[in-house]
Amino acid sequence: MSRDKKNKPTVRERFADAVDISKDVMLGLPVVTMLGNRELTIENYVGILEYGEEEIRIKCRAVSVLIEGTGLELKTMTDDFLYITGRFKCFSYE
């Protein structure tokens, strides 16, 4: 069976596995925690690309994150994480 190129681990991923370093640190991946469809935290973000009550787009090192819903509100923003509330309809990586 041949593996699709997108599913093949990168050199950085293999290195992170070999030296037991957290992949979010090594690869700059966002750490996303959702509590149902009402609360969301994102760690390892770079900045906010778009902000509105129905759509929030967040830039992370490796990807961008899109949150769609109603009544979206950025409640807390620190150097380490974002805390967003509202009613989420869709969450996707770009």
Protein backbone atom coordinates (compact mmCIF):
# COMPACT_ATOMS: atom_id res chain seq x y z
CA MET A 1 0.00 0.00 0.00
CA SER A 2 1.40 3.42 -0.91
CA ARG A 3 0.90 6.32 1.45
CA ASP A 4 -0.45 9.60 0.18
CA LYS A 5 2.20 12.36 0.34
CA LYS A 6 -0.02 14.49 2.61
CA ASN A 7 -0.21 11.70 5.20
CA LYS A 8 3.54 11.04 5.26
CA PRO A 9 5.22 12.44 8.39
CA THR A 10 7.54 15.36 7.74
CA VAL A 11 11.15 15.42 8.88
CA ARG A 12 10.17 17.75 11.73
CA GLU A 13 7.38 15.39 12.83
CA ARG A 14 9.72 12.40 12.82
CA PHE A 15 12.32 14.43 14.75
CA ALA A 16 9.72 15.54 17.32
CA ASP A 17 8.70 11.90 17.79
CA ALA A 18 12.32 10.76 18.11
CA VAL A 19 13.31 13.28 20.77
CA ASP A 20 9.92 13.30 22.48
CA ILE A 21 9.23 17.02 21.93
CA SER A 22 5.63 18.15 21.79
CA LYS A 23 4.58 18.54 18.16
CA ASP A 24 2.70 21.77 18.84
CA VAL A 25 5.98 23.33 20.02
CA MET A 26 8.17 21.84 17.30
CA LEU A 27 5.81 22.46 14.38
CA GLY A 28 4.06 25.61 15.60
CA LEU A 29 0.68 23.91 15.45
CA PRO A 30 -2.28 25.52 17.17
CA VAL A 31 -3.69 23.85 20.27
CA VAL A 32 -7.46 24.15 20.08
CA THR A 33 -9.78 23.34 22.97
CA MET A 34 -13.54 23.52 22.42
CA LEU A 35 -16.20 23.23 25.06
CA GLY A 36 -19.27 22.20 23.10
CA ASN A 37 -20.25 24.82 20.54
CA ARG A 38 -19.99 27.76 22.98
CA GLU A 39 -16.37 28.21 24.16
CA LEU A 40 -13.02 27.91 22.40
CA THR A 41 -9.38 28.55 23.27
CA ILE A 42 -6.52 28.64 20.78
CA GLU A 43 -2.87 28.49 21.81
CA ASN A 44 0.12 29.14 19.52
CA TYR A 45 -1.54 31.84 17.46
CA VAL A 46 0.25 34.63 15.61
CA GLY A 47 -2.52 37.18 15.11
CA ILE A 48 -6.11 37.89 14.14
CA LEU A 49 -6.75 38.25 10.42
CA GLU A 50 -10.47 38.95 10.54
CA TYR A 51 -12.88 39.67 13.38
CA GLY A 52 -16.65 39.92 13.32
CA GLU A 53 -19.74 38.60 15.10
CA GLU A 54 -20.19 35.85 12.49
CA GLU A 55 -16.62 35.05 11.47
CA ILE A 56 -13.19 35.09 13.11
CA ARG A 57 -10.03 34.14 11.18
CA ILE A 58 -6.87 33.52 13.18
CA LYS A 59 -3.33 33.20 11.83
CA CYS A 60 -1.19 30.50 13.39
CA ARG A 61 2.35 29.63 12.33
CA ALA A 62 1.50 26.52 10.32
CA VAL A 63 -2.15 27.18 9.38
CA SER A 64 -5.00 29.63 9.65
CA VAL A 65 -8.13 28.84 11.64
CA LEU A 66 -11.63 29.94 10.63
CA ILE A 67 -14.49 30.04 13.12
CA GLU A 68 -18.01 30.72 11.87
CA GLY A 69 -21.10 31.19 13.97
CA THR A 70 -23.28 33.81 15.62
CA GLY A 71 -22.55 36.21 18.46
CA LEU A 72 -18.83 35.47 18.28
CA GLU A 73 -16.83 37.47 20.78
CA LEU A 74 -13.15 37.54 21.65
CA LYS A 75 -13.30 37.54 25.44
CA THR A 76 -9.59 37.23 26.28
CA MET A 77 -6.42 37.76 24.25
CA THR A 78 -2.97 37.19 25.75
CA ASP A 79 0.43 36.44 24.25
CA ASP A 80 -0.28 32.76 24.88
CA PHE A 81 -3.92 32.16 23.94
CA LEU A 82 -7.26 33.45 22.67
CA TYR A 83 -10.58 32.76 24.37
CA ILE A 84 -13.66 33.04 22.13
CA THR A 85 -17.33 32.59 22.96
CA GLY A 86 -20.53 32.50 20.91
CA ARG A 87 -22.47 29.83 19.03
CA PHE A 88 -20.09 28.03 16.71
CA LYS A 89 -21.44 26.57 13.47
CA CYS A 90 -18.21 25.69 11.73
CA PHE A 91 -14.56 25.36 12.63
CA SER A 92 -11.95 24.74 9.93
CA TYR A 93 -8.24 24.90 9.12
CA GLU A 94 -7.10 26.72 6.02
